[in-house]
Amino acid sequence: MEISINIPEDLALRLTPVSQQLPQILELGLREWSTLEQPGFSGLADVLEFLAALPSAEEILALKPTAALQQQVEELLVKTQTVGLTETEECWWQHYEYVEHLVRMAKTRALVKLSHLGDE
């Protein structure tokens, strides 16, 4: 299907070098967009912004994905085991795995920090 849209000049300049990846960019953007209204960390960018704000150890340990994100992950797991992932889905999955790794590291450090506070 072909779609035509009007976009601002500055956005067009940013998209020109990645024009071949526009379907993947739109897919990733739609995934983030569809989870904006969910509580918790709805998209991958949300968790990075949360961690960048230097939350407390307790806040890090309480961090969890939204039901919508959890459902997306479960659907991709099923697809991985059955029909396989599309290129866009594989890209999203790799991003998710990386962010999940960062969250696990942050939670491990938060636990260590809290355990040291109990030693004092």
PDB file of N, CA and C in Angstrom:
ATOM      1  N   MET A   1       0.841  -1.163   0.000  1.00  0.00           N
ATOM      2  CA  MET A   1       0.000   0.000   0.000  1.00  0.00           C
ATOM      3  C   MET A   1       0.894   1.235   0.000  1.00  0.00           C
ATOM      4  N   GLU A   2       0.483   2.215  -0.720  1.00  0.00           N
ATOM      5  CA  GLU A   2       1.222   3.473  -0.766  1.00  0.00           C
ATOM      6  C   GLU A   2       0.413   4.548  -0.066  1.00  0.00           C
ATOM      7  N   ILE A   3       1.089   5.310   0.802  1.00  0.00           N
ATOM      8  CA  ILE A   3       0.448   6.395   1.543  1.00  0.00           C
ATOM      9  C   ILE A   3       1.256   7.666   1.309  1.00  0.00           C
ATOM     10  N   SER A   4       0.558   8.770   1.090  1.00  0.00           N
ATOM     11  CA  SER A   4       1.210  10.075   0.944  1.00  0.00           C
ATOM     12  C   SER A   4       0.809  10.950   2.118  1.00  0.00           C
ATOM     13  N   ILE A   5       1.802  11.627   2.710  1.00  0.00           N
ATOM     14  CA  ILE A   5       1.526  12.533   3.819  1.00  0.00           C
ATOM     15  C   ILE A   5       2.354  13.803   3.650  1.00  0.00           C
ATOM     16  N   ASN A   6       1.881  14.881   4.228  1.00  0.00           N
ATOM     17  CA  ASN A   6       2.627  16.131   4.274  1.00  0.00           C
ATOM     18  C   ASN A   6       3.273  16.229   5.647  1.00  0.00           C
ATOM     19  N   ILE A   7       4.579  16.483   5.663  1.00  0.00           N
ATOM     20  CA  ILE A   7       5.295  16.606   6.929  1.00  0.00           C
ATOM     21  C   ILE A   7       6.128  17.876   6.913  1.00  0.00           C
ATOM     22  N   PRO A   8       6.475  18.393   8.079  1.00  0.00           N
ATOM     23  CA  PRO A   8       7.293  19.599   8.129  1.00  0.00           C
ATOM     24  C   PRO A   8       8.664  19.368   7.475  1.00  0.00           C
ATOM     25  N   GLU A   9       9.226  20.425   6.954  1.00  0.00           N
ATOM     26  CA  GLU A   9      10.512  20.372   6.246  1.00  0.00           C
ATOM     27  C   GLU A   9      11.625  19.767   7.102  1.00  0.00           C
ATOM     28  N   ASP A  10      11.698  20.186   8.374  1.00  0.00           N
ATOM     29  CA  ASP A  10      12.773  19.672   9.231  1.00  0.00           C
ATOM     30  C   ASP A  10      12.648  18.169   9.454  1.00  0.00           C
ATOM     31  N   LEU A  11      11.420  17.658   9.565  1.00  0.00           N
ATOM     32  CA  LEU A  11      11.222  16.220   9.710  1.00  0.00           C
ATOM     33  C   LEU A  11      11.600  15.492   8.419  1.00  0.00           C
ATOM     34  N   ALA A  12      11.255  16.071   7.291  1.00  0.00           N
ATOM     35  CA  ALA A  12      11.614  15.468   6.004  1.00  0.00           C
ATOM     36  C   ALA A  12      13.127  15.341   5.868  1.00  0.00           C
ATOM     37  N   LEU A  13      13.857  16.358   6.312  1.00  0.00           N
ATOM     38  CA  LEU A  13      15.317  16.302   6.247  1.00  0.00           C
ATOM     39  C   LEU A  13      15.874  15.196   7.136  1.00  0.00           C
ATOM     40  N   ARG A  14      15.261  14.997   8.290  1.00  0.00           N
ATOM     41  CA  ARG A  14      15.717  13.943   9.203  1.00  0.00           C
ATOM     42  C   ARG A  14      15.382  12.554   8.673  1.00  0.00           C
ATOM     43  N   LEU A  15      14.287  12.431   7.938  1.00  0.00           N
ATOM     44  CA  LEU A  15      13.855  11.135   7.430  1.00  0.00           C
ATOM     45  C   LEU A  15      14.556  10.716   6.139  1.00  0.00           C
ATOM     46  N   THR A  16      15.060  11.670   5.393  1.00  0.00           N
ATOM     47  CA  THR A  16      15.686  11.359   4.106  1.00  0.00           C
ATOM     48  C   THR A  16      16.781  10.293   4.209  1.00  0.00           C
ATOM     49  N   PRO A  17      17.717  10.393   5.147  1.00  0.00           N
ATOM     50  CA  PRO A  17      18.774   9.377   5.204  1.00  0.00           C
ATOM     51  C   PRO A  17      18.276   7.981   5.601  1.00  0.00           C
ATOM     52  N   VAL A  18      17.103   7.897   6.206  1.00  0.00           N
ATOM     53  CA  VAL A  18      16.591   6.600   6.656  1.00  0.00           C
ATOM     54  C   VAL A  18      15.319   6.204   5.907  1.00  0.00           C
ATOM     55  N   SER A  19      15.148   6.724   4.729  1.00  0.00           N
ATOM     56  CA  SER A  19      13.896   6.494   3.990  1.00  0.00           C
ATOM     57  C   SER A  19      13.621   5.010   3.742  1.00  0.00           C
ATOM     58  N   GLN A  20      14.646   4.202   3.595  1.00  0.00           N
ATOM     59  CA  GLN A  20      14.442   2.770   3.369  1.00  0.00           C
ATOM     60  C   GLN A  20      13.914   2.059   4.622  1.00  0.00           C
ATOM     61  N   GLN A  21      14.119   2.656   5.778  1.00  0.00           N
ATOM     62  CA  GLN A  21      13.673   2.042   7.037  1.00  0.00           C
ATOM     63  C   GLN A  21      12.349   2.632   7.544  1.00  0.00           C
ATOM     64  N   LEU A  22      11.669   3.428   6.743  1.00  0.00           N
ATOM     65  CA  LEU A  22      10.433   4.069   7.200  1.00  0.00           C
ATOM     66  C   LEU A  22       9.378   3.080   7.705  1.00  0.00           C
ATOM     67  N   PRO A  23       9.166   1.931   7.058  1.00  0.00           N
ATOM     68  CA  PRO A  23       8.181   0.996   7.619  1.00  0.00           C
ATOM     69  C   PRO A  23       8.543   0.549   9.041  1.00  0.00           C
ATOM     70  N   GLN A  24       9.806   0.272   9.286  1.00  0.00           N
ATOM     71  CA  GLN A  24      10.233  -0.149  10.625  1.00  0.00           C
ATOM     72  C   GLN A  24      10.103   1.003  11.625  1.00  0.00           C
ATOM     73  N   ILE A  25      10.464   2.199  11.194  1.00  0.00           N
ATOM     74  CA  ILE A  25      10.364   3.373  12.066  1.00  0.00           C
ATOM     75  C   ILE A  25       8.906   3.613  12.443  1.00  0.00           C
ATOM     76  N   LEU A  26       8.016   3.518  11.474  1.00  0.00           N
ATOM     77  CA  LEU A  26       6.595   3.714  11.758  1.00  0.00           C
ATOM     78  C   LEU A  26       6.059   2.628  12.686  1.00  0.00           C
ATOM     79  N   GLU A  27       6.465   1.389  12.483  1.00  0.00           N
ATOM     80  CA  GLU A  27       6.014   0.292  13.345  1.00  0.00           C
ATOM     81  C   GLU A  27       6.456   0.519  14.783  1.00  0.00           C
ATOM     82  N   LEU A  28       7.721   0.873  14.975  1.00  0.00           N
ATOM     83  CA  LEU A  28       8.217   1.136  16.330  1.00  0.00           C
ATOM     84  C   LEU A  28       7.506   2.330  16.959  1.00  0.00           C
ATOM     85  N   GLY A  29       7.296   3.363  16.156  1.00  0.00           N
ATOM     86  CA  GLY A  29       6.592   4.546  16.646  1.00  0.00           C
ATOM     87  C   GLY A  29       5.155   4.243  17.033  1.00  0.00           C
ATOM     88  N   LEU A  30       4.479   3.417  16.252  1.00  0.00           N
ATOM     89  CA  LEU A  30       3.102   3.051  16.570  1.00  0.00           C
ATOM     90  C   LEU A  30       3.027   2.223  17.845  1.00  0.00           C
ATOM     91  N   ARG A  31       4.013   1.366  18.071  1.00  0.00           N
ATOM     92  CA  ARG A  31       4.034   0.580  19.317  1.00  0.00           C
ATOM     93  C   ARG A  31       4.142   1.523  20.516  1.00  0.00           C
ATOM     94  N   GLU A  32       5.033   2.500  20.428  1.00  0.00           N
ATOM     95  CA  GLU A  32       5.181   3.466  21.518  1.00  0.00           C
ATOM     96  C   GLU A  32       3.900   4.288  21.668  1.00  0.00           C
ATOM     97  N   TRP A  33       3.351   4.751  20.566  1.00  0.00           N
ATOM     98  CA  TRP A  33       2.161   5.596  20.579  1.00  0.00           C
ATOM     99  C   TRP A  33       0.974   4.868  21.214  1.00  0.00           C
ATOM    100  N   SER A  34       0.806   3.597  20.891  1.00  0.00           N
ATOM    101  CA  SER A  34      -0.351   2.849  21.386  1.00  0.00           C
ATOM    102  C   SER A  34      -0.296   2.611  22.884  1.00  0.00           C
ATOM    103  N   THR A  35       0.841   2.796  23.511  1.00  0.00           N
ATOM    104  CA  THR A  35       0.956   2.541  24.939  1.00  0.00           C
ATOM    105  C   THR A  35       1.093   3.824  25.766  1.00  0.00           C
ATOM    106  N   LEU A  36       0.916   4.976  25.155  1.00  0.00           N
ATOM    107  CA  LEU A  36       1.103   6.239  25.871  1.00  0.00           C
ATOM    108  C   LEU A  36       0.189   6.402  27.076  1.00  0.00           C
ATOM    109  N   GLU A  37      -1.030   5.913  27.014  1.00  0.00           N
ATOM    110  CA  GLU A  37      -1.997   6.139  28.083  1.00  0.00           C
ATOM    111  C   GLU A  37      -1.903   5.113  29.208  1.00  0.00           C
ATOM    112  N   GLN A  38      -0.992   4.149  29.102  1.00  0.00           N
ATOM    113  CA  GLN A  38      -0.891   3.100  30.104  1.00  0.00           C
ATOM    114  C   GLN A  38      -0.060   3.558  31.299  1.00  0.00           C
ATOM    115  N   PRO A  39      -0.392   3.093  32.511  1.00  0.00           N
ATOM    116  CA  PRO A  39       0.444   3.398  33.676  1.00  0.00           C
ATOM    117  C   PRO A  39       1.698   2.531  33.661  1.00  0.00           C
ATOM    118  N   GLY A  40       2.689   2.886  34.449  1.00  0.00           N
ATOM    119  CA  GLY A  40       3.921   2.105  34.495  1.00  0.00           C
ATOM    120  C   GLY A  40       4.811   2.463  33.324  1.00  0.00           C
ATOM    121  N   PHE A  41       5.737   1.600  32.978  1.00  0.00           N
ATOM    122  CA  PHE A  41       6.551   1.907  31.812  1.00  0.00           C
ATOM    123  C   PHE A  41       5.940   1.225  30.618  1.00  0.00           C
ATOM    124  N   SER A  42       5.379   2.053  29.745  1.00  0.00           N
ATOM    125  CA  SER A  42       4.594   1.559  28.633  1.00  0.00           C
ATOM    126  C   SER A  42       5.437   1.257  27.420  1.00  0.00           C
ATOM    127  N   GLY A  43       6.463   2.015  27.224  1.00  0.00           N
ATOM    128  CA  GLY A  43       7.318   1.801  26.076  1.00  0.00           C
ATOM    129  C   GLY A  43       8.763   1.827  26.514  1.00  0.00           C
ATOM    130  N   LEU A  44       9.603   1.476  25.617  1.00  0.00           N
ATOM    131  CA  LEU A  44      11.019   1.383  25.949  1.00  0.00           C
ATOM    132  C   LEU A  44      11.627   2.738  26.269  1.00  0.00           C
ATOM    133  N   ALA A  45      11.190   3.787  25.583  1.00  0.00           N
ATOM    134  CA  ALA A  45      11.723   5.120  25.865  1.00  0.00           C
ATOM    135  C   ALA A  45      11.353   5.566  27.278  1.00  0.00           C
ATOM    136  N   ASP A  46      10.168   5.160  27.742  1.00  0.00           N
ATOM    137  CA  ASP A  46       9.729   5.540  29.085  1.00  0.00           C
ATOM    138  C   ASP A  46      10.688   5.050  30.163  1.00  0.00           C
ATOM    139  N   VAL A  47      11.133   3.818  30.037  1.00  0.00           N
ATOM    140  CA  VAL A  47      12.003   3.266  31.074  1.00  0.00           C
ATOM    141  C   VAL A  47      13.364   3.952  31.050  1.00  0.00           C
ATOM    142  N   LEU A  48      13.844   4.289  29.881  1.00  0.00           N
ATOM    143  CA  LEU A  48      15.123   4.999  29.804  1.00  0.00           C
ATOM    144  C   LEU A  48      15.014   6.386  30.424  1.00  0.00           C
ATOM    145  N   GLU A  49      13.906   7.070  30.172  1.00  0.00           N
ATOM    146  CA  GLU A  49      13.684   8.379  30.784  1.00  0.00           C
ATOM    147  C   GLU A  49      13.562   8.249  32.303  1.00  0.00           C
ATOM    148  N   PHE A  50      12.896   7.201  32.754  1.00  0.00           N
ATOM    149  CA  PHE A  50      12.754   6.950  34.186  1.00  0.00           C
ATOM    150  C   PHE A  50      14.122   6.754  34.831  1.00  0.00           C
ATOM    151  N   LEU A  51      14.960   5.912  34.241  1.00  0.00           N
ATOM    152  CA  LEU A  51      16.288   5.647  34.798  1.00  0.00           C
ATOM    153  C   LEU A  51      17.173   6.894  34.732  1.00  0.00           C
ATOM    154  N   ALA A  52      17.019   7.693  33.697  1.00  0.00           N
ATOM    155  CA  ALA A  52      17.819   8.908  33.559  1.00  0.00           C
ATOM    156  C   ALA A  52      17.482   9.928  34.644  1.00  0.00           C
ATOM    157  N   ALA A  53      16.299   9.819  35.231  1.00  0.00           N
ATOM    158  CA  ALA A  53      15.886  10.736  36.296  1.00  0.00           C
ATOM    159  C   ALA A  53      16.506  10.371  37.647  1.00  0.00           C
ATOM    160  N   LEU A  54      17.338   9.315  37.673  1.00  0.00           N
ATOM    161  CA  LEU A  54      18.015   8.864  38.897  1.00  0.00           C
ATOM    162  C   LEU A  54      17.027   8.596  40.039  1.00  0.00           C
ATOM    163  N   PRO A  55      16.120   7.638  39.834  1.00  0.00           N
ATOM    164  CA  PRO A  55      15.129   7.325  40.862  1.00  0.00           C
ATOM    165  C   PRO A  55      15.780   6.663  42.079  1.00  0.00           C
ATOM    166  N   SER A  56      15.028   6.598  43.165  1.00  0.00           N
ATOM    167  CA  SER A  56      15.520   5.933  44.368  1.00  0.00           C
ATOM    168  C   SER A  56      15.572   4.425  44.134  1.00  0.00           C
ATOM    169  N   ALA A  57      16.272   3.729  45.025  1.00  0.00           N
ATOM    170  CA  ALA A  57      16.368   2.263  44.921  1.00  0.00           C
ATOM    171  C   ALA A  57      14.972   1.640  45.002  1.00  0.00           C
ATOM    172  N   GLU A  58      14.135   2.165  45.868  1.00  0.00           N
ATOM    173  CA  GLU A  58      12.780   1.627  46.009  1.00  0.00           C
ATOM    174  C   GLU A  58      11.963   1.824  44.728  1.00  0.00           C
ATOM    175  N   GLU A  59      12.119   2.986  44.108  1.00  0.00           N
ATOM    176  CA  GLU A  59      11.401   3.248  42.851  1.00  0.00           C
ATOM    177  C   GLU A  59      11.877   2.313  41.744  1.00  0.00           C
ATOM    178  N   ILE A  60      13.162   2.041  41.700  1.00  0.00           N
ATOM    179  CA  ILE A  60      13.700   1.128  40.686  1.00  0.00           C
ATOM    180  C   ILE A  60      13.135  -0.273  40.891  1.00  0.00           C
ATOM    181  N   LEU A  61      13.111  -0.727  42.125  1.00  0.00           N
ATOM    182  CA  LEU A  61      12.597  -2.069  42.402  1.00  0.00           C
ATOM    183  C   LEU A  61      11.109  -2.189  42.092  1.00  0.00           C
ATOM    184  N   ALA A  62      10.377  -1.098  42.171  1.00  0.00           N
ATOM    185  CA  ALA A  62       8.938  -1.109  41.875  1.00  0.00           C
ATOM    186  C   ALA A  62       8.641  -1.004  40.381  1.00  0.00           C
ATOM    187  N   LEU A  63       9.642  -0.729  39.570  1.00  0.00           N
ATOM    188  CA  LEU A  63       9.447  -0.542  38.124  1.00  0.00           C
ATOM    189  C   LEU A  63       8.970  -1.834  37.481  1.00  0.00           C
ATOM    190  N   LYS A  64       7.921  -1.731  36.686  1.00  0.00           N
ATOM    191  CA  LYS A  64       7.412  -2.893  35.958  1.00  0.00           C
ATOM    192  C   LYS A  64       6.760  -2.433  34.663  1.00  0.00           C
ATOM    193  N   PRO A  65       6.683  -3.326  33.689  1.00  0.00           N
ATOM    194  CA  PRO A  65       6.046  -2.954  32.417  1.00  0.00           C
ATOM    195  C   PRO A  65       4.526  -2.888  32.572  1.00  0.00           C
ATOM    196  N   THR A  66       3.899  -2.155  31.671  1.00  0.00           N
ATOM    197  CA  THR A  66       2.443  -2.105  31.661  1.00  0.00           C
ATOM    198  C   THR A  66       1.906  -3.422  31.126  1.00  0.00           C
ATOM    199  N   ALA A  67       0.633  -3.636  31.318  1.00  0.00           N
ATOM    200  CA  ALA A  67      -0.010  -4.839  30.781  1.00  0.00           C
ATOM    201  C   ALA A  67       0.107  -4.866  29.256  1.00  0.00           C
ATOM    202  N   ALA A  68      -0.004  -3.695  28.621  1.00  0.00           N
ATOM    203  CA  ALA A  68       0.091  -3.630  27.153  1.00  0.00           C
ATOM    204  C   ALA A  68       1.473  -4.050  26.672  1.00  0.00           C
ATOM    205  N   LEU A  69       2.519  -3.559  27.330  1.00  0.00           N
ATOM    206  CA  LEU A  69       3.874  -3.940  26.935  1.00  0.00           C
ATOM    207  C   LEU A  69       4.114  -5.417  27.210  1.00  0.00           C
ATOM    208  N   GLN A  70       3.647  -5.900  28.358  1.00  0.00           N
ATOM    209  CA  GLN A  70       3.806  -7.310  28.685  1.00  0.00           C
ATOM    210  C   GLN A  70       3.120  -8.183  27.638  1.00  0.00           C
ATOM    211  N   GLN A  71       1.950  -7.761  27.172  1.00  0.00           N
ATOM    212  CA  GLN A  71       1.228  -8.505  26.150  1.00  0.00           C
ATOM    213  C   GLN A  71       2.012  -8.519  24.836  1.00  0.00           C
ATOM    214  N   GLN A  72       2.596  -7.373  24.467  1.00  0.00           N
ATOM    215  CA  GLN A  72       3.400  -7.311  23.242  1.00  0.00           C
ATOM    216  C   GLN A  72       4.566  -8.288  23.323  1.00  0.00           C
ATOM    217  N   VAL A  73       5.226  -8.323  24.465  1.00  0.00           N
ATOM    218  CA  VAL A  73       6.367  -9.217  24.658  1.00  0.00           C
ATOM    219  C   VAL A  73       5.921 -10.671  24.541  1.00  0.00           C
ATOM    220  N   GLU A  74       4.813 -11.016  25.188  1.00  0.00           N
ATOM    221  CA  GLU A  74       4.308 -12.388  25.129  1.00  0.00           C
ATOM    222  C   GLU A  74       3.933 -12.791  23.710  1.00  0.00           C
ATOM    223  N   GLU A  75       3.324 -11.868  22.962  1.00  0.00           N
ATOM    224  CA  GLU A  75       2.962 -12.160  21.570  1.00  0.00           C
ATOM    225  C   GLU A  75       4.209 -12.411  20.722  1.00  0.00           C
ATOM    226  N   LEU A  76       5.248 -11.613  20.953  1.00  0.00           N
ATOM    227  CA  LEU A  76       6.487 -11.812  20.199  1.00  0.00           C
ATOM    228  C   LEU A  76       7.158 -13.131  20.580  1.00  0.00           C
ATOM    229  N   LEU A  77       7.082 -13.509  21.841  1.00  0.00           N
ATOM    230  CA  LEU A  77       7.642 -14.800  22.256  1.00  0.00           C
ATOM    231  C   LEU A  77       6.949 -15.957  21.540  1.00  0.00           C
ATOM    232  N   VAL A  78       5.636 -15.870  21.446  1.00  0.00           N
ATOM    233  CA  VAL A  78       4.874 -16.907  20.745  1.00  0.00           C
ATOM    234  C   VAL A  78       5.265 -16.939  19.274  1.00  0.00           C
ATOM    235  N   LYS A  79       5.347 -15.767  18.655  1.00  0.00           N
ATOM    236  CA  LYS A  79       5.729 -15.702  17.237  1.00  0.00           C
ATOM    237  C   LYS A  79       7.130 -16.254  17.011  1.00  0.00           C
ATOM    238  N   THR A  80       8.033 -15.995  17.955  1.00  0.00           N
ATOM    239  CA  THR A  80       9.404 -16.495  17.838  1.00  0.00           C
ATOM    240  C   THR A  80       9.398 -18.021  17.783  1.00  0.00           C
ATOM    241  N   GLN A  81       8.547 -18.627  18.561  1.00  0.00           N
ATOM    242  CA  GLN A  81       8.490 -20.079  18.657  1.00  0.00           C
ATOM    243  C   GLN A  81       7.652 -20.722  17.561  1.00  0.00           C
ATOM    244  N   THR A  82       6.875 -19.919  16.836  1.00  0.00           N
ATOM    245  CA  THR A  82       5.993 -20.494  15.810  1.00  0.00           C
ATOM    246  C   THR A  82       6.394 -20.038  14.406  1.00  0.00           C
ATOM    247  N   VAL A  83       5.939 -18.862  14.015  1.00  0.00           N
ATOM    248  CA  VAL A  83       6.146 -18.402  12.642  1.00  0.00           C
ATOM    249  C   VAL A  83       7.393 -17.561  12.437  1.00  0.00           C
ATOM    250  N   GLY A  84       8.003 -17.097  13.513  1.00  0.00           N
ATOM    251  CA  GLY A  84       9.171 -16.228  13.398  1.00  0.00           C
ATOM    252  C   GLY A  84       8.774 -14.765  13.367  1.00  0.00           C
ATOM    253  N   LEU A  85       9.758 -13.911  13.595  1.00  0.00           N
ATOM    254  CA  LEU A  85       9.520 -12.468  13.659  1.00  0.00           C
ATOM    255  C   LEU A  85       9.827 -11.798  12.328  1.00  0.00           C
ATOM    256  N   THR A  86       9.099 -10.722  12.045  1.00  0.00           N
ATOM    257  CA  THR A  86       9.428  -9.898  10.889  1.00  0.00           C
ATOM    258  C   THR A  86      10.689  -9.104  11.232  1.00  0.00           C
ATOM    259  N   GLU A  87      11.256  -8.450  10.253  1.00  0.00           N
ATOM    260  CA  GLU A  87      12.449  -7.635  10.492  1.00  0.00           C
ATOM    261  C   GLU A  87      12.162  -6.527  11.508  1.00  0.00           C
ATOM    262  N   THR A  88      10.996  -5.907  11.397  1.00  0.00           N
ATOM    263  CA  THR A  88      10.611  -4.846  12.322  1.00  0.00           C
ATOM    264  C   THR A  88      10.444  -5.395  13.732  1.00  0.00           C
ATOM    265  N   GLU A  89       9.787  -6.540  13.853  1.00  0.00           N
ATOM    266  CA  GLU A  89       9.590  -7.151  15.159  1.00  0.00           C
ATOM    267  C   GLU A  89      10.920  -7.580  15.776  1.00  0.00           C
ATOM    268  N   GLU A  90      11.808  -8.092  14.960  1.00  0.00           N
ATOM    269  CA  GLU A  90      13.131  -8.488  15.451  1.00  0.00           C
ATOM    270  C   GLU A  90      13.888  -7.281  15.980  1.00  0.00           C
ATOM    271  N   CYS A  91      13.802  -6.176  15.291  1.00  0.00           N
ATOM    272  CA  CYS A  91      14.438  -4.939  15.738  1.00  0.00           C
ATOM    273  C   CYS A  91      13.850  -4.489  17.062  1.00  0.00           C
ATOM    274  N   TRP A  92      12.527  -4.499  17.178  1.00  0.00           N
ATOM    275  CA  TRP A  92      11.877  -4.107  18.416  1.00  0.00           C
ATOM    276  C   TRP A  92      12.301  -5.048  19.535  1.00  0.00           C
ATOM    277  N   TRP A  93      12.347  -6.360  19.266  1.00  0.00           N
ATOM    278  CA  TRP A  93      12.728  -7.348  20.266  1.00  0.00           C
ATOM    279  C   TRP A  93      14.152  -7.092  20.782  1.00  0.00           C
ATOM    280  N   GLN A  94      15.058  -6.766  19.883  1.00  0.00           N
ATOM    281  CA  GLN A  94      16.430  -6.480  20.297  1.00  0.00           C
ATOM    282  C   GLN A  94      16.483  -5.259  21.202  1.00  0.00           C
ATOM    283  N   HIS A  95      15.710  -4.235  20.882  1.00  0.00           N
ATOM    284  CA  HIS A  95      15.637  -3.052  21.737  1.00  0.00           C
ATOM    285  C   HIS A  95      15.069  -3.424  23.107  1.00  0.00           C
ATOM    286  N   TYR A  96      14.010  -4.219  23.093  1.00  0.00           N
ATOM    287  CA  TYR A  96      13.405  -4.634  24.351  1.00  0.00           C
ATOM    288  C   TYR A  96      14.407  -5.407  25.211  1.00  0.00           C
ATOM    289  N   GLU A  97      15.126  -6.346  24.604  1.00  0.00           N
ATOM    290  CA  GLU A  97      16.107  -7.129  25.362  1.00  0.00           C
ATOM    291  C   GLU A  97      17.170  -6.239  25.987  1.00  0.00           C
ATOM    292  N   TYR A  98      17.609  -5.239  25.254  1.00  0.00           N
ATOM    293  CA  TYR A  98      18.633  -4.337  25.775  1.00  0.00           C
ATOM    294  C   TYR A  98      18.106  -3.542  26.968  1.00  0.00           C
ATOM    295  N   VAL A  99      16.907  -2.991  26.822  1.00  0.00           N
ATOM    296  CA  VAL A  99      16.323  -2.204  27.907  1.00  0.00           C
ATOM    297  C   VAL A  99      16.033  -3.111  29.109  1.00  0.00           C
ATOM    298  N   GLU A 100      15.574  -4.320  28.865  1.00  0.00           N
ATOM    299  CA  GLU A 100      15.336  -5.273  29.957  1.00  0.00           C
ATOM    300  C   GLU A 100      16.638  -5.556  30.696  1.00  0.00           C
ATOM    301  N   HIS A 101      17.733  -5.688  29.971  1.00  0.00           N
ATOM    302  CA  HIS A 101      19.048  -5.894  30.590  1.00  0.00           C
ATOM    303  C   HIS A 101      19.412  -4.705  31.480  1.00  0.00           C
ATOM    304  N   LEU A 102      19.185  -3.490  30.988  1.00  0.00           N
ATOM    305  CA  LEU A 102      19.470  -2.296  31.786  1.00  0.00           C
ATOM    306  C   LEU A 102      18.627  -2.261  33.065  1.00  0.00           C
ATOM    307  N   VAL A 103      17.367  -2.636  32.955  1.00  0.00           N
ATOM    308  CA  VAL A 103      16.483  -2.641  34.117  1.00  0.00           C
ATOM    309  C   VAL A 103      16.963  -3.677  35.130  1.00  0.00           C
ATOM    310  N   ARG A 104      17.366  -4.854  34.655  1.00  0.00           N
ATOM    311  CA  ARG A 104      17.861  -5.887  35.576  1.00  0.00           C
ATOM    312  C   ARG A 104      19.124  -5.409  36.300  1.00  0.00           C
ATOM    313  N   MET A 105      20.012  -4.751  35.577  1.00  0.00           N
ATOM    314  CA  MET A 105      21.215  -4.221  36.210  1.00  0.00           C
ATOM    315  C   MET A 105      20.848  -3.171  37.254  1.00  0.00           C
ATOM    316  N   ALA A 106      19.927  -2.286  36.918  1.00  0.00           N
ATOM    317  CA  ALA A 106      19.513  -1.241  37.850  1.00  0.00           C
ATOM    318  C   ALA A 106      18.867  -1.847  39.095  1.00  0.00           C
ATOM    319  N   LYS A 107      18.043  -2.872  38.910  1.00  0.00           N
ATOM    320  CA  LYS A 107      17.390  -3.511  40.050  1.00  0.00           C
ATOM    321  C   LYS A 107      18.409  -4.246  40.923  1.00  0.00           C
ATOM    322  N   THR A 108      19.389  -4.880  40.307  1.00  0.00           N
ATOM    323  CA  THR A 108      20.443  -5.548  41.077  1.00  0.00           C
ATOM    324  C   THR A 108      21.208  -4.542  41.917  1.00  0.00           C
ATOM    325  N   ARG A 109      21.571  -3.431  41.325  1.00  0.00           N
ATOM    326  CA  ARG A 109      22.295  -2.392  42.060  1.00  0.00           C
ATOM    327  C   ARG A 109      21.438  -1.780  43.157  1.00  0.00           C
ATOM    328  N   ALA A 110      20.146  -1.644  42.899  1.00  0.00           N
ATOM    329  CA  ALA A 110      19.240  -1.112  43.914  1.00  0.00           C
ATOM    330  C   ALA A 110      19.164  -2.058  45.110  1.00  0.00           C
ATOM    331  N   LEU A 111      19.097  -3.368  44.838  1.00  0.00           N
ATOM    332  CA  LEU A 111      19.072  -4.343  45.930  1.00  0.00           C
ATOM    333  C   LEU A 111      20.354  -4.293  46.749  1.00  0.00           C
ATOM    334  N   VAL A 112      21.486  -4.190  46.071  1.00  0.00           N
ATOM    335  CA  VAL A 112      22.774  -4.100  46.759  1.00  0.00           C
ATOM    336  C   VAL A 112      22.808  -2.841  47.627  1.00  0.00           C
ATOM    337  N   LYS A 113      22.349  -1.740  47.075  1.00  0.00           N
ATOM    338  CA  LYS A 113      22.342  -0.483  47.818  1.00  0.00           C
ATOM    339  C   LYS A 113      21.471  -0.590  49.066  1.00  0.00           C
ATOM    340  N   LEU A 114      20.294  -1.173  48.911  1.00  0.00           N
ATOM    341  CA  LEU A 114      19.390  -1.324  50.062  1.00  0.00           C
ATOM    342  C   LEU A 114      19.958  -2.289  51.102  1.00  0.00           C
ATOM    343  N   SER A 115      20.633  -3.339  50.650  1.00  0.00           N
ATOM    344  CA  SER A 115      21.207  -4.288  51.613  1.00  0.00           C
ATOM    345  C   SER A 115      22.355  -3.657  52.388  1.00  0.00           C
ATOM    346  N   HIS A 116      23.116  -2.759  51.752  1.00  0.00           N
ATOM    347  CA  HIS A 116      24.187  -2.065  52.449  1.00  0.00           C
ATOM    348  C   HIS A 116      23.635  -1.058  53.459  1.00  0.00           C
ATOM    349  N   LEU A 117      22.473  -0.474  53.137  1.00  0.00           N
ATOM    350  CA  LEU A 117      21.851   0.461  54.085  1.00  0.00           C
ATOM    351  C   LEU A 117      21.415  -0.278  55.349  1.00  0.00           C
ATOM    352  N   GLY A 118      21.014  -1.549  55.189  1.00  0.00           N
ATOM    353  CA  GLY A 118      20.615  -2.345  56.349  1.00  0.00           C
ATOM    354  C   GLY A 118      21.790  -2.740  57.218  1.00  0.00           C
ATOM    355  N   ASP A 119      23.020  -2.731  56.655  1.00  0.00           N
ATOM    356  CA  ASP A 119      24.222  -3.086  57.396  1.00  0.00           C
ATOM    357  C   ASP A 119      24.689  -1.961  58.305  1.00  0.00           C
ATOM    358  N   GLU A 120      24.222  -0.756  58.036  1.00  0.00           N
ATOM    359  CA  GLU A 120      24.713   0.410  58.799  1.00  0.00           C
ATOM    360  C   GLU A 120      24.063   0.559  60.134  1.00  0.00           C
TER     361      GLU A 120
END
